[in-house]
C-alpha atoms as a PDB file:
ATOM      1  CA  MET A   1     -44.250 158.980 141.607  1.00  0.00           C
ATOM      2  CA  HIS A   2     -43.508 159.484 145.249  1.00  0.00           C
ATOM      3  CA  PRO A   3     -40.050 158.490 146.424  1.00  0.00           C
ATOM      4  CA  LYS A   4     -40.019 155.337 148.572  1.00  0.00           C
ATOM      5  CA  ASN A   5     -41.101 155.823 152.181  1.00  0.00           C
ATOM      6  CA  THR A   6     -42.871 159.118 151.353  1.00  0.00           C
ATOM      7  CA  PRO A   7     -46.478 159.135 152.562  1.00  0.00           C
ATOM      8  CA  ILE A   8     -49.135 159.254 149.868  1.00  0.00           C
ATOM      9  CA  ASP A   9     -51.369 162.314 150.149  1.00  0.00           C
ATOM     10  CA  PRO A  10     -54.840 160.999 151.153  1.00  0.00           C
ATOM     11  CA  GLU A  11     -56.457 163.973 149.414  1.00  0.00           C
ATOM     12  CA  TRP A  12     -55.157 162.597 146.124  1.00  0.00           C
ATOM     13  CA  ARG A  13     -57.338 159.484 146.420  1.00  0.00           C
ATOM     14  CA  GLU A  14     -60.429 161.674 146.746  1.00  0.00           C
ATOM     15  CA  ARG A  15     -59.342 163.846 143.844  1.00  0.00           C
ATOM     16  CA  LEU A  16     -58.842 160.720 141.720  1.00  0.00           C
ATOM     17  CA  VAL A  17     -62.280 159.326 142.600  1.00  0.00           C
ATOM     18  CA  HIS A  18     -63.986 162.648 141.869  1.00  0.00           C
ATOM     19  CA  ALA A  19     -62.074 162.908 138.586  1.00  0.00           C
ATOM     20  CA  ALA A  20     -63.138 159.373 137.626  1.00  0.00           C
ATOM     21  CA  VAL A  21     -66.779 160.205 138.378  1.00  0.00           C
ATOM     22  CA  ARG A  22     -66.590 163.349 136.207  1.00  0.00           C
ATOM     23  CA  LEU A  23     -64.974 161.420 133.348  1.00  0.00           C
ATOM     24  CA  ALA A  24     -67.563 158.651 133.584  1.00  0.00           C
ATOM     25  CA  GLN A  25     -70.379 161.192 133.608  1.00  0.00           C
ATOM     26  CA  ARG A  26     -68.999 162.926 130.515  1.00  0.00           C
ATOM     27  CA  GLY A  27     -67.758 159.999 128.463  1.00  0.00           C
ATOM     28  CA  GLY A  28     -68.907 156.765 130.082  1.00  0.00           C
ATOM     29  CA  ILE A  29     -66.876 154.253 132.029  1.00  0.00           C
ATOM     30  CA  ALA A  30     -64.795 153.448 128.963  1.00  0.00           C
ATOM     31  CA  SER A  31     -63.264 156.923 129.294  1.00  0.00           C
ATOM     32  CA  VAL A  32     -61.930 156.084 132.764  1.00  0.00           C
ATOM     33  CA  THR A  33     -58.283 155.192 132.285  1.00  0.00           C
ATOM     34  CA  ALA A  34     -55.454 155.685 134.771  1.00  0.00           C
ATOM     35  CA  ASP A  35     -53.873 158.404 132.622  1.00  0.00           C
ATOM     36  CA  ALA A  36     -57.158 160.213 131.950  1.00  0.00           C
ATOM     37  CA  VAL A  37     -58.136 160.173 135.629  1.00  0.00           C
ATOM     38  CA  THR A  38     -54.714 161.402 136.730  1.00  0.00           C
ATOM     39  CA  ALA A  39     -54.832 164.242 134.185  1.00  0.00           C
ATOM     40  CA  GLU A  40     -58.423 165.154 135.118  1.00  0.00           C
ATOM     41  CA  ALA A  41     -57.406 165.288 138.787  1.00  0.00           C
ATOM     42  CA  GLY A  42     -54.415 167.486 137.935  1.00  0.00           C
ATOM     43  CA  LEU A  43     -51.980 165.071 139.552  1.00  0.00           C
ATOM     44  CA  PRO A  44     -48.587 163.799 138.435  1.00  0.00           C
ATOM     45  CA  ASP A  45     -48.252 160.765 136.174  1.00  0.00           C
ATOM     46  CA  GLY A  46     -48.618 157.504 138.054  1.00  0.00           C
ATOM     47  CA  ALA A  47     -50.790 158.953 140.851  1.00  0.00           C
ATOM     48  CA  ALA A  48     -53.726 156.654 140.054  1.00  0.00           C
ATOM     49  CA  ALA A  49     -51.498 153.567 140.303  1.00  0.00           C
ATOM     50  CA  GLU A  50     -50.312 154.675 143.730  1.00  0.00           C
ATOM     51  CA  HIS A  51     -53.860 154.729 145.089  1.00  0.00           C
ATOM     52  CA  PHE A  52     -55.617 151.989 143.119  1.00  0.00           C
ATOM     53  CA  PRO A  53     -54.161 148.650 142.058  1.00  0.00           C
ATOM     54  CA  SER A  54     -56.165 148.703 138.807  1.00  0.00           C
ATOM     55  CA  VAL A  55     -58.744 150.646 136.834  1.00  0.00           C
ATOM     56  CA  PRO A  56     -61.449 148.135 137.856  1.00  0.00           C
ATOM     57  CA  ALA A  57     -60.583 148.878 141.511  1.00  0.00           C
ATOM     58  CA  LEU A  58     -61.024 152.582 140.789  1.00  0.00           C
ATOM     59  CA  LEU A  59     -64.311 151.892 138.987  1.00  0.00           C
ATOM     60  CA  PHE A  60     -65.472 149.836 141.956  1.00  0.00           C
ATOM     61  CA  GLU A  61     -64.836 152.845 144.205  1.00  0.00           C
ATOM     62  CA  VAL A  62     -66.721 155.050 141.734  1.00  0.00           C
ATOM     63  CA  GLY A  63     -69.573 152.537 141.839  1.00  0.00           C
ATOM     64  CA  SER A  64     -69.603 152.632 145.630  1.00  0.00           C
ATOM     65  CA  ARG A  65     -69.842 156.419 145.583  1.00  0.00           C
ATOM     66  CA  VAL A  66     -72.592 156.434 142.963  1.00  0.00           C
ATOM     67  CA  LEU A  67     -74.523 153.767 144.885  1.00  0.00           C
ATOM     68  CA  ARG A  68     -74.196 155.815 148.078  1.00  0.00           C
ATOM     69  CA  LEU A  69     -75.443 158.947 146.289  1.00  0.00           C
ATOM     70  CA  ARG A  70     -78.396 157.096 144.796  1.00  0.00           C
ATOM     71  CA  THR A  71     -79.199 155.448 148.141  1.00  0.00           C
ATOM     72  CA  ASP A  72     -79.100 158.799 149.944  1.00  0.00           C
ATOM     73  CA  THR A  73     -81.327 160.335 147.266  1.00  0.00           C
ATOM     74  CA  LEU A  74     -83.723 157.379 147.533  1.00  0.00           C
ATOM     75  CA  ARG A  75     -83.891 157.717 151.308  1.00  0.00           C
ATOM     76  CA  GLU A  76     -84.520 161.474 151.166  1.00  0.00           C
ATOM     77  CA  TRP A  77     -87.040 161.226 148.346  1.00  0.00           C
ATOM     78  CA  LEU A  78     -89.122 158.437 149.846  1.00  0.00           C
ATOM     79  CA  ASP A  79     -89.099 159.607 153.481  1.00  0.00           C
ATOM     80  CA  GLY A  80     -92.637 159.941 154.734  1.00  0.00           C
ATOM     81  CA  THR A  81     -94.159 157.796 152.015  1.00  0.00           C
ATOM     82  CA  SER A  82     -97.225 155.683 152.579  1.00  0.00           C
ATOM     83  CA  PRO A  83     -98.947 153.034 150.471  1.00  0.00           C
ATOM     84  CA  GLU A  84    -101.146 155.831 149.075  1.00  0.00           C
ATOM     85  CA  ASN A  85     -98.332 158.079 147.842  1.00  0.00           C
ATOM     86  CA  VAL A  86     -95.394 155.731 147.215  1.00  0.00           C
ATOM     87  CA  VAL A  87     -96.008 155.406 143.463  1.00  0.00           C
ATOM     88  CA  PRO A  88     -96.287 159.175 142.813  1.00  0.00           C
ATOM     89  CA  ARG A  89     -93.160 159.788 144.940  1.00  0.00           C
ATOM     90  CA  LEU A  90     -91.258 157.039 143.114  1.00  0.00           C
ATOM     91  CA  ALA A  91     -92.357 158.505 139.763  1.00  0.00           C
ATOM     92  CA  GLU A  92     -91.017 161.899 140.872  1.00  0.00           C
ATOM     93  CA  LEU A  93     -87.740 160.303 141.961  1.00  0.00           C
ATOM     94  CA  ILE A  94     -87.310 158.507 138.638  1.00  0.00           C
ATOM     95  CA  HIS A  95     -88.041 161.731 136.768  1.00  0.00           C
ATOM     96  CA  HIS A  96     -85.446 163.530 138.920  1.00  0.00           C
ATOM     97  CA  GLN A  97     -82.874 160.819 138.188  1.00  0.00           C
ATOM     98  CA  LEU A  98     -83.626 161.015 134.452  1.00  0.00           C
ATOM     99  CA  THR A  99     -83.283 164.791 134.366  1.00  0.00           C
ATOM    100  CA  GLU A 100     -81.285 166.369 137.199  1.00  0.00           C
ATOM    101  CA  GLN A 101     -79.133 163.284 137.833  1.00  0.00           C
ATOM    102  CA  ARG A 102     -79.078 161.844 134.312  1.00  0.00           C
ATOM    103  CA  ALA A 103     -75.288 161.620 134.000  1.00  0.00           C
ATOM    104  CA  THR A 104     -75.046 159.865 137.354  1.00  0.00           C
ATOM    105  CA  SER A 105     -77.863 157.501 136.371  1.00  0.00           C
ATOM    106  CA  VAL A 106     -76.052 156.572 133.160  1.00  0.00           C
ATOM    107  CA  VAL A 107     -72.875 155.830 135.124  1.00  0.00           C
ATOM    108  CA  ALA A 108     -74.867 153.791 137.655  1.00  0.00           C
ATOM    109  CA  TYR A 109     -76.369 151.609 134.928  1.00  0.00           C
ATOM    110  CA  GLU A 110     -73.028 151.203 133.141  1.00  0.00           C
ATOM    111  CA  LEU A 111     -71.468 149.993 136.380  1.00  0.00           C
ATOM    112  CA  TYR A 112     -74.557 147.890 137.074  1.00  0.00           C
ATOM    113  CA  ALA A 113     -74.046 146.136 133.730  1.00  0.00           C
ATOM    114  CA  LEU A 114     -70.463 145.249 134.730  1.00  0.00           C
ATOM    115  CA  GLY A 115     -72.098 142.962 137.274  1.00  0.00           C
ATOM    116  CA  THR A 116     -72.948 140.585 134.440  1.00  0.00           C
ATOM    117  CA  ARG A 117     -69.224 139.857 133.963  1.00  0.00           C
ATOM    118  CA  HIS A 118     -67.388 140.707 137.184  1.00  0.00           C
ATOM    119  CA  GLU A 119     -68.204 139.203 140.563  1.00  0.00           C
ATOM    120  CA  GLU A 120     -67.270 142.263 142.646  1.00  0.00           C
ATOM    121  CA  PHE A 121     -69.577 144.416 140.530  1.00  0.00           C
ATOM    122  CA  ARG A 122     -72.256 141.701 140.672  1.00  0.00           C
ATOM    123  CA  GLN A 123     -72.337 142.055 144.458  1.00  0.00           C
ATOM    124  CA  ALA A 124     -72.722 145.832 144.182  1.00  0.00           C
ATOM    125  CA  SER A 125     -75.444 145.443 141.540  1.00  0.00           C
ATOM    126  CA  ARG A 126     -77.375 143.074 143.810  1.00  0.00           C
ATOM    127  CA  LEU A 127     -77.032 145.543 146.666  1.00  0.00           C
ATOM    128  CA  SER A 128     -78.330 148.326 144.433  1.00  0.00           C
ATOM    129  CA  ASN A 129     -81.371 146.210 143.513  1.00  0.00           C
ATOM    130  CA  ALA A 130     -81.997 145.355 147.139  1.00  0.00           C
ATOM    131  CA  ARG A 131     -81.930 148.970 148.367  1.00  0.00           C
ATOM    132  CA  LEU A 132     -84.961 150.072 146.362  1.00  0.00           C
ATOM    133  CA  ARG A 133     -86.838 146.841 147.015  1.00  0.00           C
ATOM    134  CA  GLU A 134     -86.186 147.084 150.775  1.00  0.00           C
ATOM    135  CA  ARG A 135     -87.171 150.742 150.913  1.00  0.00           C
ATOM    136  CA  LEU A 136     -90.433 150.025 149.101  1.00  0.00           C
ATOM    137  CA  ALA A 137     -91.090 147.003 151.359  1.00  0.00           C
ATOM    138  CA  GLU A 138     -91.227 149.401 154.306  1.00  0.00           C
ATOM    139  CA  VAL A 139     -94.599 150.634 153.005  1.00  0.00           C
ATOM    140  CA  LEU A 140     -95.802 147.866 150.666  1.00  0.00           C
ATOM    141  CA  PRO A 141     -96.176 144.089 150.896  1.00  0.00           C
ATOM    142  CA  PRO A 142     -92.871 142.421 149.853  1.00  0.00           C
ATOM    143  CA  ALA A 143     -94.217 140.976 146.585  1.00  0.00           C
ATOM    144  CA  GLU A 144     -95.637 144.352 145.523  1.00  0.00           C
ATOM    145  CA  ALA A 145     -92.392 146.085 146.531  1.00  0.00           C
ATOM    146  CA  ALA A 146     -90.382 143.618 144.416  1.00  0.00           C
ATOM    147  CA  ARG A 147     -92.678 144.110 141.390  1.00  0.00           C
ATOM    148  CA  LEU A 148     -92.580 147.883 141.698  1.00  0.00           C
ATOM    149  CA  ALA A 149     -88.785 147.964 142.149  1.00  0.00           C
ATOM    150  CA  ALA A 150     -88.239 145.762 139.079  1.00  0.00           C
ATOM    151  CA  THR A 151     -90.653 147.856 137.006  1.00  0.00           C
ATOM    152  CA  ALA A 152     -89.037 151.105 138.130  1.00  0.00           C
ATOM    153  CA  ASP A 153     -85.526 149.846 137.470  1.00  0.00           C
ATOM    154  CA  GLY A 154     -86.301 148.457 134.027  1.00  0.00           C
ATOM    155  CA  PHE A 155     -88.312 151.484 132.956  1.00  0.00           C
ATOM    156  CA  GLN A 156     -85.632 153.924 134.103  1.00  0.00           C
ATOM    157  CA  LEU A 157     -82.997 152.021 132.124  1.00  0.00           C
ATOM    158  CA  GLN A 158     -85.240 152.023 129.046  1.00  0.00           C
ATOM    159  CA  CYS A 159     -85.813 155.778 129.412  1.00  0.00           C
ATOM    160  CA  LEU A 160     -82.071 156.446 129.307  1.00  0.00           C
ATOM    161  CA  PHE A 161     -82.160 155.335 125.646  1.00  0.00           C
ATOM    162  CA  GLU A 162     -84.974 157.714 124.729  1.00  0.00           C
ATOM    163  CA  VAL A 163     -84.542 161.228 123.365  1.00  0.00           C
ATOM    164  CA  GLU A 164     -87.406 162.671 125.403  1.00  0.00           C
ATOM    165  CA  THR A 165     -87.814 162.116 129.115  1.00  0.00           C
ATOM    166  CA  PRO A 166     -91.281 160.959 130.103  1.00  0.00           C
ATOM    167  CA  THR A 167     -93.328 163.170 132.389  1.00  0.00           C
ATOM    168  CA  VAL A 168     -93.935 162.266 136.015  1.00  0.00           C
ATOM    169  CA  GLU A 169     -97.499 161.336 135.039  1.00  0.00           C
ATOM    170  CA  GLN A 170     -96.292 158.993 132.279  1.00  0.00           C
ATOM    171  CA  ILE A 171     -93.842 157.336 134.679  1.00  0.00           C
ATOM    172  CA  GLU A 172     -96.586 156.934 137.283  1.00  0.00           C
ATOM    173  CA  TRP A 173     -98.833 155.320 134.668  1.00  0.00           C
ATOM    174  CA  VAL A 174     -96.130 152.755 133.856  1.00  0.00           C
ATOM    175  CA  LEU A 175     -95.526 152.023 137.530  1.00  0.00           C
ATOM    176  CA  THR A 176     -99.198 151.389 138.220  1.00  0.00           C
ATOM    177  CA  GLY A 177     -99.555 149.207 135.085  1.00  0.00           C
END
């Protein structure tokens, strides 16, 4: 612990958040404890408590970072889409999230599920839902965008339970269902 009136190193907060993300990616959100995060970050005992009032506060910050990453990826992936190519592009994005970003996707859905019990996570989960729906509504009628977003979200979650990742073509088939 820092002695009283000693400034807290702002770099430590970032190290703690990055450590929490790594732990969550490896072992799920249940593996994110104050002690585990502090050890993963290579910081002295008690460092997590100095920067976050609770583990849920740390998880909320992790959720914000994961949401930002997924939103940035969504924006990049769907730039330049049109009604004609939005489904193939979305299928490619889902495949990418199930393969290259699988660990981050698992963390995102674990945090998403916390929204069923905790109001602050519920708000973040709603925001996550809205981002895809809004992005799709830029190129599709709102009702179609909402249907496609719900289908994509549900199918991606279901795929995280499967041993084999579906191909882009299989994902596209589901999305056009």
